[in-house]
């Protein structure tokens, strides 16, 4: 009997990676999925926190895709190792702080290492020629294969017939004629293939999966780097950038203001790590202080807290300020209206 070949498929949780994995499974290949946790994924905790996302089913899309495919999924934490990709991308950033080309090289390289360690024959991705402006161009695809070390062990089933034959095709592990020639930004061919495979539910085909492509998130990340001694970051830093309103009234500190109950509950978990404030005389949000809050700016911070609660029209309000390791103090302050809060403070 011929040896069954094995492939590891990069599973993002989107439609393309699901179709790519299924396409090679259709040819009798044993497929297992791999998903890399960077901390920047849109599919993280934010959907479960905010009320505006309550209509969305709460799930990890990569795990859900693996379940639909009935394959194992290996989730690999790369938060620390991924920092160099974010901070020092050899090929630069995209429109925002997205190091898409370096990211793809890094993840294919990690998949290749995993394949070598576990005896898998080749790597599968859901890339399509011309779909992404930086990492999925015809001229960058050979670069990804070369710099990752995957070389011709990297198979892109959705556009394979537009590219030179890979090892899996030349060796007859997969039939090239049963692969695809998708190109461009239209997702209609993928949606038609999904229907052919019997997939009637999947993540929004054109949705991005990384906060680094988001201009608002990138603005807040740049601000974080600009106001710290180094551009290094921790997981909590990049998670908090996803939550709440961010305001910087002074260079030395910014305020993270929860927008609703779910965010309030999430930020409660950080109270022991941050100076925080909340209004005790009227309903309002929890506010974290990121940075050093000088004593002379306590009144300012407390007044900003009143802008976002029921106290904004009260004239006066009580705001409790808590510094870690110190007893709480109540500040009596004049409330702040929307007109009093400079737009330039919003990130």
C-alpha atoms as a PDB file:
ATOM      1  CA  UNK A   1       0.000   0.000   0.000  1.00  0.00           C
ATOM      2  CA  UNK A   2       1.124   3.542  -0.741  1.00  0.00           C
ATOM      3  CA  UNK A   3       2.098   5.567   2.295  1.00  0.00           C
ATOM      4  CA  UNK A   4      -0.534   8.116   3.307  1.00  0.00           C
ATOM      5  CA  UNK A   5       0.980  11.548   3.118  1.00  0.00           C
ATOM      6  CA  UNK A   6       0.449  14.136   5.830  1.00  0.00           C
ATOM      7  CA  UNK A   7       0.064  17.907   5.618  1.00  0.00           C
ATOM      8  CA  UNK A   8      -0.156  20.608   8.254  1.00  0.00           C
ATOM      9  CA  UNK A   9      -2.559  23.402   7.292  1.00  0.00           C
ATOM     10  CA  UNK A  10      -2.400  26.954   8.640  1.00  0.00           C
ATOM     11  CA  UNK A  11      -5.908  27.575   9.984  1.00  0.00           C
ATOM     12  CA  UNK A  12      -6.809  31.200  10.599  1.00  0.00           C
ATOM     13  CA  UNK A  13     -10.525  30.632  11.084  1.00  0.00           C
ATOM     14  CA  UNK A  14     -11.422  32.205   7.738  1.00  0.00           C
ATOM     15  CA  UNK A  15     -12.953  30.695   4.634  1.00  0.00           C
ATOM     16  CA  UNK A  16      -9.775  30.375   2.557  1.00  0.00           C
ATOM     17  CA  UNK A  17      -7.830  28.260   5.030  1.00  0.00           C
ATOM     18  CA  UNK A  18     -10.867  26.016   5.534  1.00  0.00           C
ATOM     19  CA  UNK A  19     -11.208  25.440   1.784  1.00  0.00           C
ATOM     20  CA  UNK A  20      -7.472  24.862   1.292  1.00  0.00           C
ATOM     21  CA  UNK A  21      -7.390  22.177   3.975  1.00  0.00           C
ATOM     22  CA  UNK A  22     -10.512  20.513   2.615  1.00  0.00           C
ATOM     23  CA  UNK A  23      -9.143  20.543  -0.932  1.00  0.00           C
ATOM     24  CA  UNK A  24      -6.171  18.371   0.009  1.00  0.00           C
ATOM     25  CA  UNK A  25      -8.251  16.191   2.340  1.00  0.00           C
ATOM     26  CA  UNK A  26     -10.406  15.406  -0.719  1.00  0.00           C
ATOM     27  CA  UNK A  27      -7.313  13.791  -2.215  1.00  0.00           C
ATOM     28  CA  UNK A  28      -6.744  11.425   0.686  1.00  0.00           C
ATOM     29  CA  UNK A  29      -4.131  13.497   2.521  1.00  0.00           C
ATOM     30  CA  UNK A  30      -4.094  13.327   6.322  1.00  0.00           C
ATOM     31  CA  UNK A  31      -4.417  16.943   7.439  1.00  0.00           C
ATOM     32  CA  UNK A  32      -3.931  18.534  10.833  1.00  0.00           C
ATOM     33  CA  UNK A  33      -4.339  22.236  11.500  1.00  0.00           C
ATOM     34  CA  UNK A  34      -2.055  24.712  13.212  1.00  0.00           C
ATOM     35  CA  UNK A  35      -3.052  28.136  14.542  1.00  0.00           C
ATOM     36  CA  UNK A  36      -0.685  30.736  15.966  1.00  0.00           C
ATOM     37  CA  UNK A  37      -1.739  32.974  18.859  1.00  0.00           C
ATOM     38  CA  UNK A  38      -0.085  36.392  18.568  1.00  0.00           C
ATOM     39  CA  UNK A  39      -2.355  38.412  20.882  1.00  0.00           C
ATOM     40  CA  UNK A  40      -3.458  40.629  17.981  1.00  0.00           C
ATOM     41  CA  UNK A  41      -6.249  38.407  16.674  1.00  0.00           C
ATOM     42  CA  UNK A  42      -9.637  40.042  16.146  1.00  0.00           C
ATOM     43  CA  UNK A  43     -11.322  36.775  17.070  1.00  0.00           C
ATOM     44  CA  UNK A  44     -10.081  37.088  20.647  1.00  0.00           C
ATOM     45  CA  UNK A  45     -12.129  38.040  23.669  1.00  0.00           C
ATOM     46  CA  UNK A  46     -13.618  41.295  22.369  1.00  0.00           C
ATOM     47  CA  UNK A  47     -16.641  39.681  20.716  1.00  0.00           C
ATOM     48  CA  UNK A  48     -17.594  38.137  24.040  1.00  0.00           C
ATOM     49  CA  UNK A  49     -17.225  41.387  25.970  1.00  0.00           C
ATOM     50  CA  UNK A  50     -19.095  44.057  24.049  1.00  0.00           C
ATOM     51  CA  UNK A  51     -22.862  44.315  23.812  1.00  0.00           C
ATOM     52  CA  UNK A  52     -22.653  45.416  20.180  1.00  0.00           C
ATOM     53  CA  UNK A  53     -21.360  41.958  19.288  1.00  0.00           C
ATOM     54  CA  UNK A  54     -24.026  40.000  21.140  1.00  0.00           C
ATOM     55  CA  UNK A  55     -25.636  38.877  17.878  1.00  0.00           C
ATOM     56  CA  UNK A  56     -22.419  37.061  16.957  1.00  0.00           C
ATOM     57  CA  UNK A  57     -21.915  33.493  18.025  1.00  0.00           C
ATOM     58  CA  UNK A  58     -19.137  33.388  20.606  1.00  0.00           C
ATOM     59  CA  UNK A  59     -16.510  30.978  19.386  1.00  0.00           C
ATOM     60  CA  UNK A  60     -12.890  30.603  18.451  1.00  0.00           C
ATOM     61  CA  UNK A  61     -13.167  30.542  14.664  1.00  0.00           C
ATOM     62  CA  UNK A  62     -10.037  28.447  14.145  1.00  0.00           C
ATOM     63  CA  UNK A  63     -11.327  25.763  16.527  1.00  0.00           C
ATOM     64  CA  UNK A  64     -14.727  25.927  14.858  1.00  0.00           C
ATOM     65  CA  UNK A  65     -13.169  25.444  11.401  1.00  0.00           C
ATOM     66  CA  UNK A  66     -11.178  22.456  12.657  1.00  0.00           C
ATOM     67  CA  UNK A  67     -14.392  20.982  14.004  1.00  0.00           C
ATOM     68  CA  UNK A  68     -16.130  21.440  10.637  1.00  0.00           C
ATOM     69  CA  UNK A  69     -13.199  19.741   8.922  1.00  0.00           C
ATOM     70  CA  UNK A  70     -13.003  17.072  11.650  1.00  0.00           C
ATOM     71  CA  UNK A  71      -9.244  17.529  12.052  1.00  0.00           C
ATOM     72  CA  UNK A  72      -7.016  18.140  15.087  1.00  0.00           C
ATOM     73  CA  UNK A  73      -5.955  21.749  15.651  1.00  0.00           C
ATOM     74  CA  UNK A  74      -2.673  22.645  17.341  1.00  0.00           C
ATOM     75  CA  UNK A  75      -2.761  26.147  18.878  1.00  0.00           C
ATOM     76  CA  UNK A  76       0.733  27.548  19.382  1.00  0.00           C
ATOM     77  CA  UNK A  77       1.467  30.591  21.577  1.00  0.00           C
ATOM     78  CA  UNK A  78       3.982  32.792  19.743  1.00  0.00           C
ATOM     79  CA  UNK A  79       3.382  36.071  21.615  1.00  0.00           C
ATOM     80  CA  UNK A  80       7.015  36.526  22.680  1.00  0.00           C
ATOM     81  CA  UNK A  81       8.675  35.287  19.498  1.00  0.00           C
ATOM     82  CA  UNK A  82       6.308  37.324  17.349  1.00  0.00           C
ATOM     83  CA  UNK A  83       7.456  40.605  18.883  1.00  0.00           C
ATOM     84  CA  UNK A  84      10.425  40.914  16.551  1.00  0.00           C
ATOM     85  CA  UNK A  85       8.083  40.572  13.565  1.00  0.00           C
ATOM     86  CA  UNK A  86       5.939  43.460  14.847  1.00  0.00           C
ATOM     87  CA  UNK A  87       8.792  45.672  15.988  1.00  0.00           C
ATOM     88  CA  UNK A  88      11.341  45.068  13.218  1.00  0.00           C
ATOM     89  CA  UNK A  89       9.678  43.823  10.022  1.00  0.00           C
ATOM     90  CA  UNK A  90      12.321  43.311   7.339  1.00  0.00           C
ATOM     91  CA  UNK A  91       9.777  43.995   4.603  1.00  0.00           C
ATOM     92  CA  UNK A  92       8.078  46.903   6.358  1.00  0.00           C
ATOM     93  CA  UNK A  93       4.497  47.581   7.349  1.00  0.00           C
ATOM     94  CA  UNK A  94       1.352  47.675   5.269  1.00  0.00           C
ATOM     95  CA  UNK A  95      -1.134  50.540   5.377  1.00  0.00           C
ATOM     96  CA  UNK A  96      -1.059  50.479   9.191  1.00  0.00           C
ATOM     97  CA  UNK A  97       1.200  48.540  11.569  1.00  0.00           C
ATOM     98  CA  UNK A  98       0.600  45.230   9.834  1.00  0.00           C
ATOM     99  CA  UNK A  99       3.846  43.430   8.975  1.00  0.00           C
ATOM    100  CA  UNK A 100       1.925  41.094   6.657  1.00  0.00           C
ATOM    101  CA  UNK A 101       4.787  39.757   4.544  1.00  0.00           C
ATOM    102  CA  UNK A 102       7.090  39.138   7.519  1.00  0.00           C
ATOM    103  CA  UNK A 103       4.139  37.629   9.384  1.00  0.00           C
ATOM    104  CA  UNK A 104       3.437  35.102   6.640  1.00  0.00           C
ATOM    105  CA  UNK A 105       7.115  34.156   6.392  1.00  0.00           C
ATOM    106  CA  UNK A 106       7.271  33.700  10.164  1.00  0.00           C
ATOM    107  CA  UNK A 107       4.154  31.547  10.385  1.00  0.00           C
ATOM    108  CA  UNK A 108       5.058  29.336   7.435  1.00  0.00           C
ATOM    109  CA  UNK A 109       8.517  28.887   8.964  1.00  0.00           C
ATOM    110  CA  UNK A 110       6.948  27.844  12.281  1.00  0.00           C
ATOM    111  CA  UNK A 111       4.612  25.471  10.469  1.00  0.00           C
ATOM    112  CA  UNK A 112       7.607  24.004   8.637  1.00  0.00           C
ATOM    113  CA  UNK A 113       9.432  23.446  11.925  1.00  0.00           C
ATOM    114  CA  UNK A 114       6.346  21.794  13.386  1.00  0.00           C
ATOM    115  CA  UNK A 115       6.030  19.587  10.292  1.00  0.00           C
ATOM    116  CA  UNK A 116       9.660  18.495  10.606  1.00  0.00           C
ATOM    117  CA  UNK A 117       9.234  17.683  14.292  1.00  0.00           C
ATOM    118  CA  UNK A 118       6.076  15.644  13.740  1.00  0.00           C
ATOM    119  CA  UNK A 119       6.885  13.846  10.512  1.00  0.00           C
ATOM    120  CA  UNK A 120       4.560  15.745   8.160  1.00  0.00           C
ATOM    121  CA  UNK A 121       5.341  15.938   4.458  1.00  0.00           C
ATOM    122  CA  UNK A 122       4.203  19.410   3.406  1.00  0.00           C
ATOM    123  CA  UNK A 123       2.485  22.646   4.451  1.00  0.00           C
ATOM    124  CA  UNK A 124      -0.848  23.995   3.215  1.00  0.00           C
ATOM    125  CA  UNK A 125      -2.013  27.628   3.270  1.00  0.00           C
ATOM    126  CA  UNK A 126      -5.137  29.371   1.970  1.00  0.00           C
ATOM    127  CA  UNK A 127      -3.295  32.059   0.014  1.00  0.00           C
ATOM    128  CA  UNK A 128      -4.732  33.327  -3.277  1.00  0.00           C
ATOM    129  CA  UNK A 129      -2.729  35.222  -5.903  1.00  0.00           C
ATOM    130  CA  UNK A 130      -3.600  38.920  -5.820  1.00  0.00           C
ATOM    131  CA  UNK A 131      -5.933  38.764  -2.833  1.00  0.00           C
ATOM    132  CA  UNK A 132      -3.821  40.781  -0.391  1.00  0.00           C
ATOM    133  CA  UNK A 133      -1.805  43.825  -1.509  1.00  0.00           C
ATOM    134  CA  UNK A 134       1.378  42.969   0.388  1.00  0.00           C
ATOM    135  CA  UNK A 135       1.676  39.261   1.202  1.00  0.00           C
ATOM    136  CA  UNK A 136      -0.328  37.612  -1.601  1.00  0.00           C
ATOM    137  CA  UNK A 137       1.180  39.027  -4.749  1.00  0.00           C
ATOM    138  CA  UNK A 138       2.605  36.736  -7.404  1.00  0.00           C
ATOM    139  CA  UNK A 139       6.106  38.141  -6.855  1.00  0.00           C
ATOM    140  CA  UNK A 140       6.014  37.709  -3.057  1.00  0.00           C
ATOM    141  CA  UNK A 141       4.813  34.120  -3.016  1.00  0.00           C
ATOM    142  CA  UNK A 142       8.223  32.646  -3.991  1.00  0.00           C
ATOM    143  CA  UNK A 143       9.829  34.939  -1.398  1.00  0.00           C
ATOM    144  CA  UNK A 144       7.602  33.520   1.359  1.00  0.00           C
ATOM    145  CA  UNK A 145       8.440  29.964   0.349  1.00  0.00           C
ATOM    146  CA  UNK A 146      12.176  30.699   0.235  1.00  0.00           C
ATOM    147  CA  UNK A 147      12.573  32.832   3.365  1.00  0.00           C
ATOM    148  CA  UNK A 148      10.458  30.456   5.469  1.00  0.00           C
ATOM    149  CA  UNK A 149      12.565  27.484   4.416  1.00  0.00           C
ATOM    150  CA  UNK A 150       9.450  25.669   3.214  1.00  0.00           C
ATOM    151  CA  UNK A 151      10.486  26.003  -0.449  1.00  0.00           C
ATOM    152  CA  UNK A 152       8.453  23.592  -2.602  1.00  0.00           C
ATOM    153  CA  UNK A 153       6.945  21.879   0.435  1.00  0.00           C
ATOM    154  CA  UNK A 154       4.522  24.825   0.576  1.00  0.00           C
ATOM    155  CA  UNK A 155       1.290  24.083  -1.294  1.00  0.00           C
ATOM    156  CA  UNK A 156      -1.367  26.735  -1.923  1.00  0.00           C
ATOM    157  CA  UNK A 157      -4.316  24.642  -3.157  1.00  0.00           C
ATOM    158  CA  UNK A 158      -6.597  27.565  -4.043  1.00  0.00           C
ATOM    159  CA  UNK A 159      -4.184  29.057  -6.578  1.00  0.00           C
ATOM    160  CA  UNK A 160      -1.758  26.164  -7.190  1.00  0.00           C
ATOM    161  CA  UNK A 161      -2.462  25.939 -10.919  1.00  0.00           C
ATOM    162  CA  UNK A 162      -1.214  29.509 -11.356  1.00  0.00           C
ATOM    163  CA  UNK A 163       2.102  28.682  -9.696  1.00  0.00           C
ATOM    164  CA  UNK A 164       4.960  26.266 -10.453  1.00  0.00           C
ATOM    165  CA  UNK A 165       4.281  22.651  -9.355  1.00  0.00           C
ATOM    166  CA  UNK A 166       5.314  21.912  -5.779  1.00  0.00           C
ATOM    167  CA  UNK A 167       6.809  18.763  -4.296  1.00  0.00           C
ATOM    168  CA  UNK A 168       3.396  17.309  -3.431  1.00  0.00           C
ATOM    169  CA  UNK A 169       2.249  17.773  -7.025  1.00  0.00           C
ATOM    170  CA  UNK A 170       5.415  16.469  -8.682  1.00  0.00           C
ATOM    171  CA  UNK A 171       5.488  13.392  -6.461  1.00  0.00           C
ATOM    172  CA  UNK A 172       1.852  12.641  -7.180  1.00  0.00           C
ATOM    173  CA  UNK A 173       0.718  13.017  -3.561  1.00  0.00           C
ATOM    174  CA  UNK A 174      -1.943  15.382  -4.878  1.00  0.00           C
ATOM    175  CA  UNK A 175      -3.394  15.745  -8.367  1.00  0.00           C
ATOM    176  CA  UNK A 176      -2.618  19.248  -9.636  1.00  0.00           C
ATOM    177  CA  UNK A 177      -5.676  19.186 -11.920  1.00  0.00           C
ATOM    178  CA  UNK A 178      -7.933  18.849  -8.867  1.00  0.00           C
ATOM    179  CA  UNK A 179      -6.477  22.015  -7.355  1.00  0.00           C
ATOM    180  CA  UNK A 180      -7.607  25.544  -8.237  1.00  0.00           C
ATOM    181  CA  UNK A 181      -6.603  28.720 -10.085  1.00  0.00           C
ATOM    182  CA  UNK A 182      -8.285  31.411  -7.983  1.00  0.00           C
ATOM    183  CA  UNK A 183      -6.906  34.927  -8.215  1.00  0.00           C
ATOM    184  CA  UNK A 184      -7.871  38.459  -7.304  1.00  0.00           C
ATOM    185  CA  UNK A 185      -9.906  39.962  -4.495  1.00  0.00           C
ATOM    186  CA  UNK A 186     -13.325  38.561  -5.421  1.00  0.00           C
ATOM    187  CA  UNK A 187     -14.465  35.828  -3.050  1.00  0.00           C
ATOM    188  CA  UNK A 188     -17.167  34.453  -5.345  1.00  0.00           C
ATOM    189  CA  UNK A 189     -15.067  31.425  -6.445  1.00  0.00           C
ATOM    190  CA  UNK A 190     -14.371  30.551  -2.793  1.00  0.00           C
ATOM    191  CA  UNK A 191     -18.021  30.911  -1.878  1.00  0.00           C
ATOM    192  CA  UNK A 192     -19.001  28.658  -4.777  1.00  0.00           C
ATOM    193  CA  UNK A 193     -16.421  26.073  -3.665  1.00  0.00           C
ATOM    194  CA  UNK A 194     -17.730  26.287  -0.102  1.00  0.00           C
ATOM    195  CA  UNK A 195     -21.196  25.434  -1.382  1.00  0.00           C
ATOM    196  CA  UNK A 196     -19.736  22.533  -3.368  1.00  0.00           C
ATOM    197  CA  UNK A 197     -18.073  21.198  -0.219  1.00  0.00           C
ATOM    198  CA  UNK A 198     -21.301  21.643   1.743  1.00  0.00           C
ATOM    199  CA  UNK A 199     -20.117  24.540   3.936  1.00  0.00           C
ATOM    200  CA  UNK A 200     -23.083  26.846   4.480  1.00  0.00           C
ATOM    201  CA  UNK A 201     -21.567  28.762   7.412  1.00  0.00           C
ATOM    202  CA  UNK A 202     -18.169  30.409   7.684  1.00  0.00           C
ATOM    203  CA  UNK A 203     -16.520  33.615   8.866  1.00  0.00           C
ATOM    204  CA  UNK A 204     -17.107  36.723   6.790  1.00  0.00           C
ATOM    205  CA  UNK A 205     -14.961  36.001   3.715  1.00  0.00           C
ATOM    206  CA  UNK A 206     -13.383  39.465   3.436  1.00  0.00           C
ATOM    207  CA  UNK A 207     -12.889  40.043   7.155  1.00  0.00           C
ATOM    208  CA  UNK A 208      -9.409  40.719   8.446  1.00  0.00           C
ATOM    209  CA  UNK A 209      -8.191  38.625  11.348  1.00  0.00           C
ATOM    210  CA  UNK A 210      -5.568  40.938  12.822  1.00  0.00           C
ATOM    211  CA  UNK A 211      -5.931  44.169  14.788  1.00  0.00           C
ATOM    212  CA  UNK A 212      -2.670  45.441  13.295  1.00  0.00           C
ATOM    213  CA  UNK A 213      -4.551  46.109  10.045  1.00  0.00           C
ATOM    214  CA  UNK A 214      -6.976  48.377  11.914  1.00  0.00           C
ATOM    215  CA  UNK A 215      -6.060  52.107  11.688  1.00  0.00           C
ATOM    216  CA  UNK A 216      -7.579  52.965  15.079  1.00  0.00           C
ATOM    217  CA  UNK A 217      -5.752  50.151  16.825  1.00  0.00           C
ATOM    218  CA  UNK A 218      -2.497  51.050  15.081  1.00  0.00           C
ATOM    219  CA  UNK A 219      -2.872  54.665  16.224  1.00  0.00           C
ATOM    220  CA  UNK A 220      -3.150  53.523  19.833  1.00  0.00           C
ATOM    221  CA  UNK A 221      -0.187  51.176  19.469  1.00  0.00           C
ATOM    222  CA  UNK A 222       1.961  53.969  18.027  1.00  0.00           C
ATOM    223  CA  UNK A 223       0.915  56.180  20.914  1.00  0.00           C
ATOM    224  CA  UNK A 224       1.939  53.441  23.357  1.00  0.00           C
ATOM    225  CA  UNK A 225       5.375  53.206  21.752  1.00  0.00           C
ATOM    226  CA  UNK A 226       5.785  56.980  21.582  1.00  0.00           C
ATOM    227  CA  UNK A 227       5.214  57.419  25.311  1.00  0.00           C
ATOM    228  CA  UNK A 228       7.357  54.606  26.673  1.00  0.00           C
ATOM    229  CA  UNK A 229      11.130  54.279  26.955  1.00  0.00           C
ATOM    230  CA  UNK A 230      11.124  51.322  24.552  1.00  0.00           C
ATOM    231  CA  UNK A 231       8.812  49.867  21.919  1.00  0.00           C
ATOM    232  CA  UNK A 232       8.623  46.557  23.746  1.00  0.00           C
ATOM    233  CA  UNK A 233       5.178  45.447  24.862  1.00  0.00           C
ATOM    234  CA  UNK A 234       3.524  42.788  27.004  1.00  0.00           C
ATOM    235  CA  UNK A 235       0.420  40.763  26.231  1.00  0.00           C
ATOM    236  CA  UNK A 236      -1.654  42.865  28.649  1.00  0.00           C
ATOM    237  CA  UNK A 237      -0.599  46.020  26.788  1.00  0.00           C
ATOM    238  CA  UNK A 238      -1.897  44.845  23.433  1.00  0.00           C
ATOM    239  CA  UNK A 239      -5.054  43.351  24.926  1.00  0.00           C
ATOM    240  CA  UNK A 240      -5.951  46.611  26.665  1.00  0.00           C
ATOM    241  CA  UNK A 241      -5.565  48.508  23.398  1.00  0.00           C
ATOM    242  CA  UNK A 242      -8.645  46.604  22.190  1.00  0.00           C
ATOM    243  CA  UNK A 243     -10.811  47.776  25.086  1.00  0.00           C
ATOM    244  CA  UNK A 244     -12.517  51.074  25.909  1.00  0.00           C
ATOM    245  CA  UNK A 245     -11.937  54.691  24.975  1.00  0.00           C
ATOM    246  CA  UNK A 246      -8.305  55.799  25.210  1.00  0.00           C
ATOM    247  CA  UNK A 247      -7.541  59.424  26.083  1.00  0.00           C
ATOM    248  CA  UNK A 248      -4.152  61.059  26.609  1.00  0.00           C
ATOM    249  CA  UNK A 249      -4.546  64.395  28.419  1.00  0.00           C
ATOM    250  CA  UNK A 250      -0.828  64.574  29.297  1.00  0.00           C
ATOM    251  CA  UNK A 251       2.284  62.898  27.836  1.00  0.00           C
ATOM    252  CA  UNK A 252       2.937  60.937  31.042  1.00  0.00           C
ATOM    253  CA  UNK A 253      -0.352  59.082  31.292  1.00  0.00           C
ATOM    254  CA  UNK A 254      -3.483  58.054  29.459  1.00  0.00           C
ATOM    255  CA  UNK A 255      -6.934  56.959  30.619  1.00  0.00           C
ATOM    256  CA  UNK A 256      -8.720  53.784  29.519  1.00  0.00           C
ATOM    257  CA  UNK A 257     -12.457  54.328  29.937  1.00  0.00           C
ATOM    258  CA  UNK A 258     -14.859  51.403  29.716  1.00  0.00           C
ATOM    259  CA  UNK A 259     -17.769  51.916  27.318  1.00  0.00           C
ATOM    260  CA  UNK A 260     -20.242  49.400  28.700  1.00  0.00           C
ATOM    261  CA  UNK A 261     -20.799  46.755  31.344  1.00  0.00           C
ATOM    262  CA  UNK A 262     -18.817  44.027  29.595  1.00  0.00           C
ATOM    263  CA  UNK A 263     -15.752  46.228  29.280  1.00  0.00           C
ATOM    264  CA  UNK A 264     -16.226  47.433  32.840  1.00  0.00           C
ATOM    265  CA  UNK A 265     -16.135  43.837  34.060  1.00  0.00           C
ATOM    266  CA  UNK A 266     -13.054  43.087  31.974  1.00  0.00           C
ATOM    267  CA  UNK A 267     -11.139  46.114  33.263  1.00  0.00           C
ATOM    268  CA  UNK A 268     -12.021  45.145  36.835  1.00  0.00           C
ATOM    269  CA  UNK A 269      -9.444  42.376  36.470  1.00  0.00           C
ATOM    270  CA  UNK A 270      -6.685  44.992  36.159  1.00  0.00           C
ATOM    271  CA  UNK A 271      -7.558  47.064  39.235  1.00  0.00           C
ATOM    272  CA  UNK A 272      -4.677  45.714  41.311  1.00  0.00           C
ATOM    273  CA  UNK A 273      -2.141  46.612  38.609  1.00  0.00           C
ATOM    274  CA  UNK A 274      -3.273  50.135  37.706  1.00  0.00           C
ATOM    275  CA  UNK A 275      -4.252  53.372  39.355  1.00  0.00           C
ATOM    276  CA  UNK A 276      -8.002  53.459  38.761  1.00  0.00           C
ATOM    277  CA  UNK A 277     -10.970  55.755  39.301  1.00  0.00           C
ATOM    278  CA  UNK A 278     -14.743  55.497  39.337  1.00  0.00           C
ATOM    279  CA  UNK A 279     -17.581  57.780  40.328  1.00  0.00           C
ATOM    280  CA  UNK A 280     -19.184  56.916  43.685  1.00  0.00           C
ATOM    281  CA  UNK A 281     -21.955  59.524  43.625  1.00  0.00           C
ATOM    282  CA  UNK A 282     -23.401  58.568  40.221  1.00  0.00           C
ATOM    283  CA  UNK A 283     -23.327  55.519  37.910  1.00  0.00           C
ATOM    284  CA  UNK A 284     -20.361  55.567  35.578  1.00  0.00           C
ATOM    285  CA  UNK A 285     -17.433  53.647  34.080  1.00  0.00           C
ATOM    286  CA  UNK A 286     -14.289  52.208  35.592  1.00  0.00           C
ATOM    287  CA  UNK A 287     -11.222  54.103  34.359  1.00  0.00           C
ATOM    288  CA  UNK A 288      -7.660  52.765  34.383  1.00  0.00           C
ATOM    289  CA  UNK A 289      -4.640  55.068  34.358  1.00  0.00           C
ATOM    290  CA  UNK A 290      -1.846  53.785  32.137  1.00  0.00           C
ATOM    291  CA  UNK A 291       1.345  55.588  33.113  1.00  0.00           C
ATOM    292  CA  UNK A 292       2.280  57.823  36.037  1.00  0.00           C
ATOM    293  CA  UNK A 293      -0.516  60.021  37.390  1.00  0.00           C
ATOM    294  CA  UNK A 294       1.048  62.977  39.236  1.00  0.00           C
ATOM    295  CA  UNK A 295      -0.765  64.272  42.313  1.00  0.00           C
ATOM    296  CA  UNK A 296      -1.378  67.594  40.571  1.00  0.00           C
ATOM    297  CA  UNK A 297      -3.309  65.810  37.774  1.00  0.00           C
ATOM    298  CA  UNK A 298      -5.596  63.746  40.017  1.00  0.00           C
ATOM    299  CA  UNK A 299      -8.372  66.347  39.835  1.00  0.00           C
ATOM    300  CA  UNK A 300      -8.112  66.427  36.037  1.00  0.00           C
ATOM    301  CA  UNK A 301      -8.364  62.637  35.789  1.00  0.00           C
ATOM    302  CA  UNK A 302     -11.317  62.592  38.168  1.00  0.00           C
ATOM    303  CA  UNK A 303     -13.124  65.273  36.147  1.00  0.00           C
ATOM    304  CA  UNK A 304     -12.614  63.247  32.961  1.00  0.00           C
ATOM    305  CA  UNK A 305     -14.261  60.284  34.703  1.00  0.00           C
ATOM    306  CA  UNK A 306     -17.391  62.383  35.277  1.00  0.00           C
ATOM    307  CA  UNK A 307     -17.687  63.136  31.552  1.00  0.00           C
ATOM    308  CA  UNK A 308     -18.563  59.507  30.796  1.00  0.00           C
ATOM    309  CA  UNK A 309     -21.169  58.788  33.481  1.00  0.00           C
ATOM    310  CA  UNK A 310     -24.492  59.994  34.828  1.00  0.00           C
ATOM    311  CA  UNK A 311     -22.634  62.699  36.732  1.00  0.00           C
ATOM    312  CA  UNK A 312     -21.718  64.798  33.678  1.00  0.00           C
ATOM    313  CA  UNK A 313     -24.698  67.149  34.157  1.00  0.00           C
ATOM    314  CA  UNK A 314     -24.691  67.118  37.973  1.00  0.00           C
ATOM    315  CA  UNK A 315     -22.296  70.003  38.468  1.00  0.00           C
ATOM    316  CA  UNK A 316     -20.365  68.239  41.261  1.00  0.00           C
ATOM    317  CA  UNK A 317     -19.521  64.581  41.818  1.00  0.00           C
ATOM    318  CA  UNK A 318     -17.470  62.261  44.032  1.00  0.00           C
ATOM    319  CA  UNK A 319     -14.813  60.158  42.342  1.00  0.00           C
ATOM    320  CA  UNK A 320     -12.849  57.473  44.151  1.00  0.00           C
ATOM    321  CA  UNK A 321      -9.177  57.202  43.246  1.00  0.00           C
ATOM    322  CA  UNK A 322      -7.237  54.080  44.149  1.00  0.00           C
ATOM    323  CA  UNK A 323      -3.486  53.675  43.891  1.00  0.00           C
ATOM    324  CA  UNK A 324      -2.289  50.062  44.236  1.00  0.00           C
ATOM    325  CA  UNK A 325      -1.264  49.354  47.813  1.00  0.00           C
ATOM    326  CA  UNK A 326      -2.817  52.549  49.167  1.00  0.00           C
ATOM    327  CA  UNK A 327      -6.212  53.270  50.769  1.00  0.00           C
ATOM    328  CA  UNK A 328      -8.866  54.692  48.409  1.00  0.00           C
ATOM    329  CA  UNK A 329      -9.428  58.454  48.411  1.00  0.00           C
ATOM    330  CA  UNK A 330     -12.577  60.299  47.357  1.00  0.00           C
ATOM    331  CA  UNK A 331     -12.148  63.460  45.289  1.00  0.00           C
ATOM    332  CA  UNK A 332     -14.951  66.017  45.109  1.00  0.00           C
ATOM    333  CA  UNK A 333     -14.758  67.596  41.647  1.00  0.00           C
ATOM    334  CA  UNK A 334     -16.595  69.804  39.217  1.00  0.00           C
ATOM    335  CA  UNK A 335     -18.074  67.640  36.493  1.00  0.00           C
ATOM    336  CA  UNK A 336     -16.924  67.816  32.878  1.00  0.00           C
ATOM    337  CA  UNK A 337     -19.167  68.092  29.838  1.00  0.00           C
ATOM    338  CA  UNK A 338     -18.432  66.819  26.352  1.00  0.00           C
ATOM    339  CA  UNK A 339     -17.643  70.373  25.248  1.00  0.00           C
ATOM    340  CA  UNK A 340     -15.015  70.682  27.984  1.00  0.00           C
ATOM    341  CA  UNK A 341     -13.087  67.604  26.810  1.00  0.00           C
ATOM    342  CA  UNK A 342     -10.675  68.396  23.945  1.00  0.00           C
ATOM    343  CA  UNK A 343     -11.036  66.063  20.951  1.00  0.00           C
ATOM    344  CA  UNK A 344      -7.238  66.015  20.661  1.00  0.00           C
ATOM    345  CA  UNK A 345      -7.083  63.901  23.818  1.00  0.00           C
ATOM    346  CA  UNK A 346      -8.915  60.998  22.154  1.00  0.00           C
ATOM    347  CA  UNK A 347      -6.757  58.331  20.549  1.00  0.00           C
END
